[in-house]
Amino acid sequence: MTAKELLAHPVRMRIVHALRGRELTTGRLCELLPDVSKAMVYRHVEALAAGGVIEVAEERRVRGAVERTYRLRQATIDTEDLTPDDYRRGFDLALATLLAEFTAYMDRDGVDPTADLVGFRQHAVWLSREELEELIAELRNVIVPRLGHEPSAERTRYLLSPILFPAAE
């Protein structure tokens, strides 16, 4: 199964999101995805590892069993090889994953979107190719330095999902 096919499942994509910038055991992934059965998390972790999307960062013995800690493998997808249908499937997957993550957030006890500064907005902007490239560069300059932030007591993990495409007239 290719990486594209592996990531075409919302639970596997949520596992990938959870592993961004950190290393986690399967048990910890189960805690982070309480709406997904443990058996399903283990099955999807196994598939992602077999497909080379994630890798074992560490193994240790815990009560006679081997506990593995996983991390994302560094890889890039060459967008030049993607067909319009590949983009459509990728977008569908991104939306399904976003919906699953948001639903899991909203289902938490004591959820408070206002206090958590939850936001979603859509803006239509008119841009030349040069202005679009400038906007993308500016967004990268703002976002990329924050991708390396380590978890800490004063930090909350947020999902930021920029979506950009030309709108129909």
N, C-alpha and C. Protein backbone atom coordinates (compact mmCIF):
# COMPACT_ATOMS: atom_id res chain seq x y z
N MET A 1 0.85 -1.18 0.00
CA MET A 1 0.00 0.00 0.00
C MET A 1 0.90 1.24 0.00
N THR A 2 0.59 2.21 -0.85
CA THR A 2 1.38 3.44 -0.92
C THR A 2 1.05 4.36 0.26
N ALA A 3 1.92 5.35 0.48
CA ALA A 3 1.67 6.32 1.55
C ALA A 3 0.35 7.05 1.31
N LYS A 4 0.06 7.38 0.06
CA LYS A 4 -1.21 8.05 -0.25
C LYS A 4 -2.39 7.18 0.14
N GLU A 5 -2.30 5.88 -0.17
CA GLU A 5 -3.39 4.97 0.17
C GLU A 5 -3.50 4.79 1.69
N LEU A 6 -2.35 4.70 2.35
CA LEU A 6 -2.36 4.56 3.81
C LEU A 6 -3.02 5.75 4.48
N LEU A 7 -2.76 6.93 3.96
CA LEU A 7 -3.28 8.14 4.58
C LEU A 7 -4.72 8.44 4.15
N ALA A 8 -5.30 7.55 3.36
CA ALA A 8 -6.67 7.74 2.90
C ALA A 8 -7.69 7.23 3.91
N HIS A 9 -7.29 7.11 5.16
CA HIS A 9 -8.21 6.69 6.22
C HIS A 9 -8.15 7.72 7.34
N PRO A 10 -9.29 8.26 7.76
CA PRO A 10 -9.28 9.33 8.77
C PRO A 10 -8.59 8.95 10.08
N VAL A 11 -8.71 7.72 10.54
CA VAL A 11 -8.05 7.35 11.80
C VAL A 11 -6.54 7.34 11.62
N ARG A 12 -6.07 6.81 10.51
CA ARG A 12 -4.61 6.81 10.27
C ARG A 12 -4.10 8.24 10.16
N MET A 13 -4.88 9.11 9.52
CA MET A 13 -4.47 10.50 9.40
C MET A 13 -4.44 11.17 10.77
N ARG A 14 -5.39 10.84 11.65
CA ARG A 14 -5.39 11.40 13.00
C ARG A 14 -4.17 10.92 13.78
N ILE A 15 -3.76 9.67 13.57
CA ILE A 15 -2.55 9.16 14.21
C ILE A 15 -1.34 9.95 13.72
N VAL A 16 -1.28 10.20 12.43
CA VAL A 16 -0.17 10.99 11.88
C VAL A 16 -0.17 12.39 12.49
N HIS A 17 -1.35 13.02 12.60
CA HIS A 17 -1.43 14.34 13.22
C HIS A 17 -0.94 14.30 14.66
N ALA A 18 -1.33 13.26 15.39
CA ALA A 18 -0.92 13.16 16.80
C ALA A 18 0.59 13.01 16.93
N LEU A 19 1.23 12.38 15.96
CA LEU A 19 2.67 12.14 16.03
C LEU A 19 3.50 13.32 15.52
N ARG A 20 2.87 14.31 14.95
CA ARG A 20 3.64 15.45 14.43
C ARG A 20 4.41 16.11 15.55
N GLY A 21 5.74 16.11 15.39
CA GLY A 21 6.61 16.81 16.33
C GLY A 21 6.81 16.10 17.66
N ARG A 22 6.38 14.84 17.76
CA ARG A 22 6.59 14.14 19.03
C ARG A 22 6.63 12.63 18.80
N GLU A 23 7.06 11.94 19.83
CA GLU A 23 7.14 10.48 19.82
C GLU A 23 6.16 9.95 20.86
N LEU A 24 5.34 8.95 20.45
CA LEU A 24 4.29 8.44 21.34
C LEU A 24 4.21 6.92 21.27
N THR A 25 3.82 6.33 22.39
CA THR A 25 3.53 4.90 22.41
C THR A 25 2.12 4.69 21.87
N THR A 26 1.83 3.45 21.51
CA THR A 26 0.48 3.14 21.04
C THR A 26 -0.53 3.37 22.16
N GLY A 27 -0.13 3.07 23.40
CA GLY A 27 -1.02 3.33 24.53
C GLY A 27 -1.37 4.80 24.65
N ARG A 28 -0.38 5.66 24.46
CA ARG A 28 -0.63 7.11 24.53
C ARG A 28 -1.52 7.55 23.36
N LEU A 29 -1.31 6.96 22.18
CA LEU A 29 -2.17 7.28 21.04
C LEU A 29 -3.62 6.89 21.34
N CYS A 30 -3.82 5.77 22.02
CA CYS A 30 -5.17 5.36 22.41
C CYS A 30 -5.80 6.41 23.33
N GLU A 31 -5.01 6.97 24.24
CA GLU A 31 -5.52 8.02 25.13
C GLU A 31 -5.90 9.28 24.35
N LEU A 32 -5.12 9.59 23.32
CA LEU A 32 -5.37 10.80 22.53
C LEU A 32 -6.53 10.63 21.55
N LEU A 33 -6.91 9.39 21.28
CA LEU A 33 -8.02 9.09 20.36
C LEU A 33 -9.06 8.26 21.10
N PRO A 34 -9.68 8.81 22.15
CA PRO A 34 -10.58 8.01 22.99
C PRO A 34 -11.83 7.52 22.26
N ASP A 35 -12.16 8.12 21.13
CA ASP A 35 -13.34 7.70 20.38
C ASP A 35 -13.05 6.54 19.44
N VAL A 36 -11.79 6.09 19.39
CA VAL A 36 -11.37 5.00 18.51
C VAL A 36 -11.00 3.81 19.40
N SER A 37 -11.47 2.61 19.06
CA SER A 37 -11.16 1.45 19.88
C SER A 37 -9.66 1.18 19.89
N LYS A 38 -9.18 0.60 20.98
CA LYS A 38 -7.75 0.28 21.10
C LYS A 38 -7.31 -0.66 19.98
N ALA A 39 -8.15 -1.64 19.68
CA ALA A 39 -7.80 -2.60 18.63
C ALA A 39 -7.61 -1.88 17.29
N MET A 40 -8.47 -0.89 17.01
CA MET A 40 -8.36 -0.17 15.75
C MET A 40 -7.09 0.70 15.73
N VAL A 41 -6.77 1.34 16.86
CA VAL A 41 -5.54 2.15 16.92
C VAL A 41 -4.34 1.25 16.67
N TYR A 42 -4.26 0.12 17.35
CA TYR A 42 -3.13 -0.80 17.16
C TYR A 42 -3.05 -1.28 15.71
N ARG A 43 -4.19 -1.61 15.12
CA ARG A 43 -4.21 -2.08 13.73
C ARG A 43 -3.69 -1.00 12.77
N HIS A 44 -4.13 0.25 12.99
CA HIS A 44 -3.71 1.33 12.10
C HIS A 44 -2.24 1.71 12.33
N VAL A 45 -1.78 1.66 13.56
CA VAL A 45 -0.36 1.92 13.83
C VAL A 45 0.49 0.87 13.11
N GLU A 46 0.06 -0.38 13.19
CA GLU A 46 0.78 -1.46 12.51
C GLU A 46 0.84 -1.22 11.00
N ALA A 47 -0.29 -0.81 10.42
CA ALA A 47 -0.33 -0.54 8.98
C ALA A 47 0.57 0.63 8.61
N LEU A 48 0.55 1.70 9.41
CA LEU A 48 1.40 2.87 9.13
C LEU A 48 2.88 2.52 9.25
N ALA A 49 3.22 1.68 10.22
CA ALA A 49 4.62 1.26 10.39
C ALA A 49 5.04 0.36 9.23
N ALA A 50 4.19 -0.60 8.86
CA ALA A 50 4.51 -1.51 7.76
C ALA A 50 4.66 -0.74 6.45
N GLY A 51 3.88 0.33 6.30
CA GLY A 51 3.94 1.14 5.08
C GLY A 51 5.03 2.18 5.09
N GLY A 52 5.77 2.29 6.19
CA GLY A 52 6.90 3.22 6.24
C GLY A 52 6.52 4.66 6.52
N VAL A 53 5.27 4.92 6.92
CA VAL A 53 4.86 6.28 7.25
C VAL A 53 5.38 6.68 8.63
N ILE A 54 5.35 5.71 9.57
CA ILE A 54 5.90 5.94 10.90
C ILE A 54 6.98 4.90 11.16
N GLU A 55 7.81 5.17 12.16
CA GLU A 55 8.89 4.24 12.50
C GLU A 55 9.01 4.13 14.01
N VAL A 56 9.65 3.07 14.44
CA VAL A 56 9.89 2.86 15.86
C VAL A 56 11.04 3.75 16.27
N ALA A 57 10.80 4.62 17.25
CA ALA A 57 11.84 5.50 17.77
C ALA A 57 12.57 4.85 18.93
N GLU A 58 11.85 4.00 19.67
CA GLU A 58 12.42 3.37 20.86
C GLU A 58 11.62 2.13 21.22
N GLU A 59 12.30 1.14 21.76
CA GLU A 59 11.64 -0.04 22.30
C GLU A 59 12.14 -0.26 23.71
N ARG A 60 11.21 -0.65 24.61
CA ARG A 60 11.63 -0.96 25.97
C ARG A 60 10.71 -2.04 26.53
N ARG A 61 11.26 -2.80 27.45
CA ARG A 61 10.51 -3.87 28.10
C ARG A 61 9.65 -3.30 29.22
N VAL A 62 8.37 -3.65 29.19
CA VAL A 62 7.43 -3.26 30.24
C VAL A 62 6.67 -4.52 30.64
N ARG A 63 6.90 -5.00 31.83
CA ARG A 63 6.23 -6.21 32.35
C ARG A 63 6.29 -7.37 31.36
N GLY A 64 7.45 -7.59 30.79
CA GLY A 64 7.65 -8.73 29.90
C GLY A 64 7.27 -8.49 28.46
N ALA A 65 6.59 -7.40 28.17
CA ALA A 65 6.20 -7.09 26.79
C ALA A 65 7.08 -5.96 26.27
N VAL A 66 7.15 -5.84 24.98
CA VAL A 66 7.92 -4.76 24.35
C VAL A 66 6.98 -3.60 24.07
N GLU A 67 7.31 -2.44 24.63
CA GLU A 67 6.54 -1.22 24.36
C GLU A 67 7.33 -0.40 23.34
N ARG A 68 6.65 -0.05 22.26
CA ARG A 68 7.31 0.73 21.20
C ARG A 68 6.82 2.17 21.24
N THR A 69 7.76 3.06 21.01
CA THR A 69 7.46 4.48 20.86
C THR A 69 7.65 4.79 19.38
N TYR A 70 6.66 5.46 18.79
CA TYR A 70 6.67 5.74 17.35
C TYR A 70 6.87 7.22 17.07
N ARG A 71 7.38 7.49 15.87
CA ARG A 71 7.50 8.86 15.35
C ARG A 71 7.26 8.81 13.85
N LEU A 72 6.98 9.97 13.29
CA LEU A 72 6.82 10.06 11.84
C LEU A 72 8.16 9.90 11.16
N ARG A 73 8.17 9.23 10.04
CA ARG A 73 9.37 9.20 9.20
C ARG A 73 9.39 10.48 8.40
N GLN A 74 10.55 11.01 8.17
CA GLN A 74 10.67 12.22 7.36
C GLN A 74 10.52 11.84 5.89
N ALA A 75 9.53 12.40 5.26
CA ALA A 75 9.27 12.12 3.85
C ALA A 75 8.46 13.26 3.27
N THR A 76 8.52 13.37 1.97
CA THR A 76 7.71 14.37 1.28
C THR A 76 6.97 13.68 0.14
N ILE A 77 5.84 14.23 -0.21
CA ILE A 77 5.07 13.72 -1.34
C ILE A 77 5.29 14.68 -2.49
N ASP A 78 5.69 14.14 -3.63
CA ASP A 78 5.94 14.95 -4.81
C ASP A 78 4.61 15.31 -5.45
N THR A 79 4.22 16.59 -5.34
CA THR A 79 2.92 17.00 -5.86
C THR A 79 2.88 17.01 -7.38
N GLU A 80 4.02 16.96 -8.04
CA GLU A 80 4.02 16.93 -9.51
C GLU A 80 3.41 15.64 -10.04
N ASP A 81 3.45 14.58 -9.24
CA ASP A 81 2.92 13.28 -9.67
C ASP A 81 1.45 13.10 -9.34
N LEU A 82 0.83 14.08 -8.69
CA LEU A 82 -0.55 13.93 -8.28
C LEU A 82 -1.50 14.31 -9.41
N THR A 83 -2.53 13.51 -9.57
CA THR A 83 -3.57 13.80 -10.56
C THR A 83 -4.65 14.65 -9.89
N PRO A 84 -5.54 15.25 -10.67
CA PRO A 84 -6.66 15.96 -10.05
C PRO A 84 -7.46 15.06 -9.10
N ASP A 85 -7.64 13.78 -9.45
CA ASP A 85 -8.34 12.86 -8.54
C ASP A 85 -7.56 12.64 -7.25
N ASP A 86 -6.22 12.59 -7.33
CA ASP A 86 -5.40 12.48 -6.12
C ASP A 86 -5.61 13.69 -5.22
N TYR A 87 -5.65 14.87 -5.82
CA TYR A 87 -5.90 16.09 -5.03
C TYR A 87 -7.29 16.03 -4.39
N ARG A 88 -8.29 15.58 -5.15
CA ARG A 88 -9.65 15.49 -4.63
C ARG A 88 -9.70 14.53 -3.44
N ARG A 89 -9.09 13.35 -3.59
CA ARG A 89 -9.07 12.38 -2.48
C ARG A 89 -8.31 12.95 -1.29
N GLY A 90 -7.20 13.63 -1.54
CA GLY A 90 -6.43 14.24 -0.45
C GLY A 90 -7.25 15.30 0.29
N PHE A 91 -7.98 16.10 -0.46
CA PHE A 91 -8.81 17.13 0.16
C PHE A 91 -9.94 16.49 0.97
N ASP A 92 -10.58 15.46 0.39
CA ASP A 92 -11.63 14.75 1.12
C ASP A 92 -11.08 14.18 2.43
N LEU A 93 -9.89 13.60 2.37
CA LEU A 93 -9.26 13.04 3.56
C LEU A 93 -8.96 14.14 4.58
N ALA A 94 -8.43 15.26 4.10
CA ALA A 94 -8.11 16.37 5.00
C ALA A 94 -9.38 16.85 5.71
N LEU A 95 -10.47 16.98 4.98
CA LEU A 95 -11.73 17.42 5.60
C LEU A 95 -12.27 16.38 6.57
N ALA A 96 -12.20 15.11 6.20
CA ALA A 96 -12.68 14.05 7.09
C ALA A 96 -11.86 14.02 8.38
N THR A 97 -10.56 14.20 8.25
CA THR A 97 -9.68 14.20 9.42
C THR A 97 -9.96 15.42 10.28
N LEU A 98 -10.11 16.56 9.66
CA LEU A 98 -10.41 17.79 10.40
C LEU A 98 -11.74 17.65 11.15
N LEU A 99 -12.74 17.09 10.48
CA LEU A 99 -14.03 16.87 11.12
C LEU A 99 -13.90 15.90 12.30
N ALA A 100 -13.14 14.83 12.13
CA ALA A 100 -12.95 13.86 13.21
C ALA A 100 -12.24 14.50 14.40
N GLU A 101 -11.20 15.30 14.13
CA GLU A 101 -10.47 15.97 15.21
C GLU A 101 -11.37 16.97 15.93
N PHE A 102 -12.15 17.75 15.17
CA PHE A 102 -13.03 18.75 15.78
C PHE A 102 -14.14 18.08 16.59
N THR A 103 -14.69 16.99 16.06
CA THR A 103 -15.73 16.26 16.79
C THR A 103 -15.17 15.70 18.09
N ALA A 104 -13.97 15.14 18.06
CA ALA A 104 -13.36 14.62 19.29
C ALA A 104 -13.15 15.75 20.29
N TYR A 105 -12.74 16.93 19.82
CA TYR A 105 -12.57 18.09 20.71
C TYR A 105 -13.92 18.48 21.32
N MET A 106 -14.95 18.61 20.49
CA MET A 106 -16.26 19.05 20.97
C MET A 106 -16.90 18.04 21.93
N ASP A 107 -16.53 16.76 21.81
CA ASP A 107 -17.10 15.72 22.66
C ASP A 107 -16.42 15.64 24.04
N ARG A 108 -15.35 16.41 24.26
CA ARG A 108 -14.67 16.37 25.56
C ARG A 108 -15.54 16.98 26.65
N ASP A 109 -15.35 16.48 27.86
CA ASP A 109 -16.03 17.07 29.01
C ASP A 109 -15.51 18.48 29.24
N GLY A 110 -16.40 19.42 29.53
CA GLY A 110 -16.00 20.77 29.85
C GLY A 110 -15.45 21.57 28.69
N VAL A 111 -15.78 21.17 27.47
CA VAL A 111 -15.27 21.89 26.30
C VAL A 111 -15.72 23.35 26.34
N ASP A 112 -14.82 24.25 25.97
CA ASP A 112 -15.13 25.68 25.97
C ASP A 112 -14.45 26.34 24.77
N PRO A 113 -15.08 26.27 23.59
CA PRO A 113 -14.46 26.83 22.38
C PRO A 113 -14.10 28.31 22.51
N THR A 114 -14.89 29.09 23.22
CA THR A 114 -14.59 30.51 23.37
C THR A 114 -13.30 30.69 24.17
N ALA A 115 -13.18 30.02 25.30
CA ALA A 115 -11.97 30.13 26.12
C ALA A 115 -10.76 29.57 25.40
N ASP A 116 -10.97 28.54 24.56
CA ASP A 116 -9.86 27.92 23.82
C ASP A 116 -9.51 28.68 22.54
N LEU A 117 -10.19 29.78 22.29
CA LEU A 117 -9.96 30.61 21.09
C LEU A 117 -10.11 29.83 19.79
N VAL A 118 -11.10 28.93 19.77
CA VAL A 118 -11.38 28.17 18.55
C VAL A 118 -11.89 29.15 17.50
N GLY A 119 -11.39 28.99 16.29
CA GLY A 119 -11.84 29.89 15.24
C GLY A 119 -11.84 29.21 13.89
N PHE A 120 -12.72 29.65 13.04
CA PHE A 120 -12.73 29.22 11.65
C PHE A 120 -13.33 30.35 10.84
N ARG A 121 -12.59 30.75 9.86
CA ARG A 121 -13.00 31.86 9.01
C ARG A 121 -12.68 31.53 7.56
N GLN A 122 -13.38 32.17 6.69
CA GLN A 122 -13.09 32.02 5.28
C GLN A 122 -13.09 33.41 4.66
N HIS A 123 -12.05 33.71 3.93
CA HIS A 123 -11.91 35.01 3.29
C HIS A 123 -11.67 34.80 1.80
N ALA A 124 -12.30 35.61 0.99
CA ALA A 124 -12.02 35.61 -0.45
C ALA A 124 -11.11 36.80 -0.73
N VAL A 125 -9.97 36.54 -1.31
CA VAL A 125 -9.02 37.61 -1.63
C VAL A 125 -8.66 37.51 -3.11
N TRP A 126 -8.46 38.66 -3.72
CA TRP A 126 -8.05 38.73 -5.12
C TRP A 126 -6.55 38.95 -5.14
N LEU A 127 -5.81 38.01 -5.76
CA LEU A 127 -4.35 38.08 -5.75
C LEU A 127 -3.77 37.74 -7.12
N SER A 128 -2.72 38.45 -7.48
CA SER A 128 -1.95 38.06 -8.66
C SER A 128 -1.08 36.86 -8.26
N ARG A 129 -0.46 36.20 -9.20
CA ARG A 129 0.43 35.07 -8.89
C ARG A 129 1.53 35.53 -7.93
N GLU A 130 2.10 36.69 -8.20
CA GLU A 130 3.17 37.22 -7.35
C GLU A 130 2.66 37.50 -5.93
N GLU A 131 1.48 38.08 -5.81
CA GLU A 131 0.90 38.35 -4.49
C GLU A 131 0.59 37.06 -3.74
N LEU A 132 0.12 36.04 -4.47
CA LEU A 132 -0.17 34.75 -3.85
C LEU A 132 1.12 34.12 -3.31
N GLU A 133 2.17 34.13 -4.11
CA GLU A 133 3.45 33.58 -3.66
C GLU A 133 3.98 34.34 -2.45
N GLU A 134 3.78 35.66 -2.44
CA GLU A 134 4.20 36.47 -1.29
C GLU A 134 3.39 36.10 -0.04
N LEU A 135 2.08 35.92 -0.20
CA LEU A 135 1.23 35.53 0.92
C LEU A 135 1.66 34.17 1.49
N ILE A 136 1.91 33.21 0.61
CA ILE A 136 2.34 31.88 1.05
C ILE A 136 3.67 31.97 1.80
N ALA A 137 4.60 32.75 1.29
CA ALA A 137 5.89 32.92 1.97
C ALA A 137 5.70 33.56 3.34
N GLU A 138 4.83 34.56 3.43
CA GLU A 138 4.57 35.22 4.72
C GLU A 138 3.94 34.25 5.72
N LEU A 139 3.00 33.43 5.26
CA LEU A 139 2.39 32.44 6.14
C LEU A 139 3.42 31.43 6.63
N ARG A 140 4.28 30.98 5.72
CA ARG A 140 5.35 30.05 6.12
C ARG A 140 6.25 30.69 7.17
N ASN A 141 6.59 31.96 6.97
CA ASN A 141 7.46 32.66 7.93
C ASN A 141 6.83 32.76 9.31
N VAL A 142 5.51 32.80 9.36
CA VAL A 142 4.81 32.87 10.65
C VAL A 142 4.64 31.48 11.26
N ILE A 143 4.31 30.49 10.44
CA ILE A 143 3.96 29.16 10.94
C ILE A 143 5.18 28.28 11.20
N VAL A 144 6.10 28.20 10.27
CA VAL A 144 7.22 27.24 10.35
C VAL A 144 8.01 27.35 11.66
N PRO A 145 8.36 28.54 12.14
CA PRO A 145 9.12 28.58 13.40
C PRO A 145 8.36 27.97 14.59
N ARG A 146 7.07 27.97 14.54
CA ARG A 146 6.26 27.44 15.65
C ARG A 146 6.10 25.92 15.58
N LEU A 147 6.38 25.32 14.42
CA LEU A 147 6.25 23.88 14.27
C LEU A 147 7.24 23.13 15.15
N GLY A 148 8.34 23.76 15.51
CA GLY A 148 9.36 23.13 16.34
C GLY A 148 9.14 23.27 17.82
N HIS A 149 8.05 23.94 18.24
CA HIS A 149 7.79 24.09 19.67
C HIS A 149 7.58 22.73 20.31
N GLU A 150 8.22 22.53 21.44
CA GLU A 150 8.07 21.29 22.20
C GLU A 150 6.86 21.38 23.12
N PRO A 151 6.23 20.25 23.42
CA PRO A 151 5.13 20.27 24.39
C PRO A 151 5.64 20.74 25.76
N SER A 152 4.79 21.46 26.48
CA SER A 152 5.13 21.89 27.84
C SER A 152 3.84 22.14 28.60
N ALA A 153 3.98 22.38 29.89
CA ALA A 153 2.80 22.59 30.75
C ALA A 153 2.00 23.81 30.31
N GLU A 154 2.66 24.82 29.79
CA GLU A 154 1.93 26.04 29.41
C GLU A 154 1.49 26.05 27.94
N ARG A 155 1.76 24.97 27.20
CA ARG A 155 1.37 24.91 25.79
C ARG A 155 0.23 23.92 25.59
N THR A 156 -0.71 24.31 24.76
CA THR A 156 -1.80 23.45 24.33
C THR A 156 -1.59 23.15 22.86
N ARG A 157 -1.82 21.93 22.46
CA ARG A 157 -1.65 21.55 21.06
C ARG A 157 -2.87 22.02 20.27
N TYR A 158 -2.65 22.79 19.23
CA TYR A 158 -3.70 23.28 18.34
C TYR A 158 -3.47 22.73 16.94
N LEU A 159 -4.52 22.53 16.21
CA LEU A 159 -4.42 22.16 14.80
C LEU A 159 -4.67 23.41 13.97
N LEU A 160 -3.79 23.69 13.06
CA LEU A 160 -3.91 24.81 12.14
C LEU A 160 -3.99 24.20 10.75
N SER A 161 -5.08 24.45 10.05
CA SER A 161 -5.32 23.78 8.77
C SER A 161 -5.59 24.79 7.66
N PRO A 162 -4.56 25.45 7.17
CA PRO A 162 -4.79 26.38 6.05
C PRO A 162 -5.22 25.62 4.80
N ILE A 163 -6.21 26.14 4.12
CA ILE A 163 -6.68 25.57 2.87
C ILE A 163 -6.69 26.71 1.85
N LEU A 164 -6.07 26.48 0.72
CA LEU A 164 -5.95 27.54 -0.26
C LEU A 164 -6.20 26.96 -1.66
N PHE A 165 -7.14 27.56 -2.37
CA PHE A 165 -7.38 27.17 -3.77
C PHE A 165 -8.15 28.29 -4.44
N PRO A 166 -8.03 28.40 -5.78
CA PRO A 166 -8.79 29.44 -6.48
C PRO A 166 -10.27 29.08 -6.48
N ALA A 167 -11.10 30.05 -6.13
CA ALA A 167 -12.54 29.82 -6.06
C ALA A 167 -13.16 30.03 -7.44
N ALA A 168 -14.25 29.33 -7.65
CA ALA A 168 -14.98 29.51 -8.90
C ALA A 168 -15.56 30.92 -8.94
N GLU A 169 -15.60 31.49 -10.10
CA GLU A 169 -16.12 32.85 -10.26
C GLU A 169 -17.62 32.86 -10.10
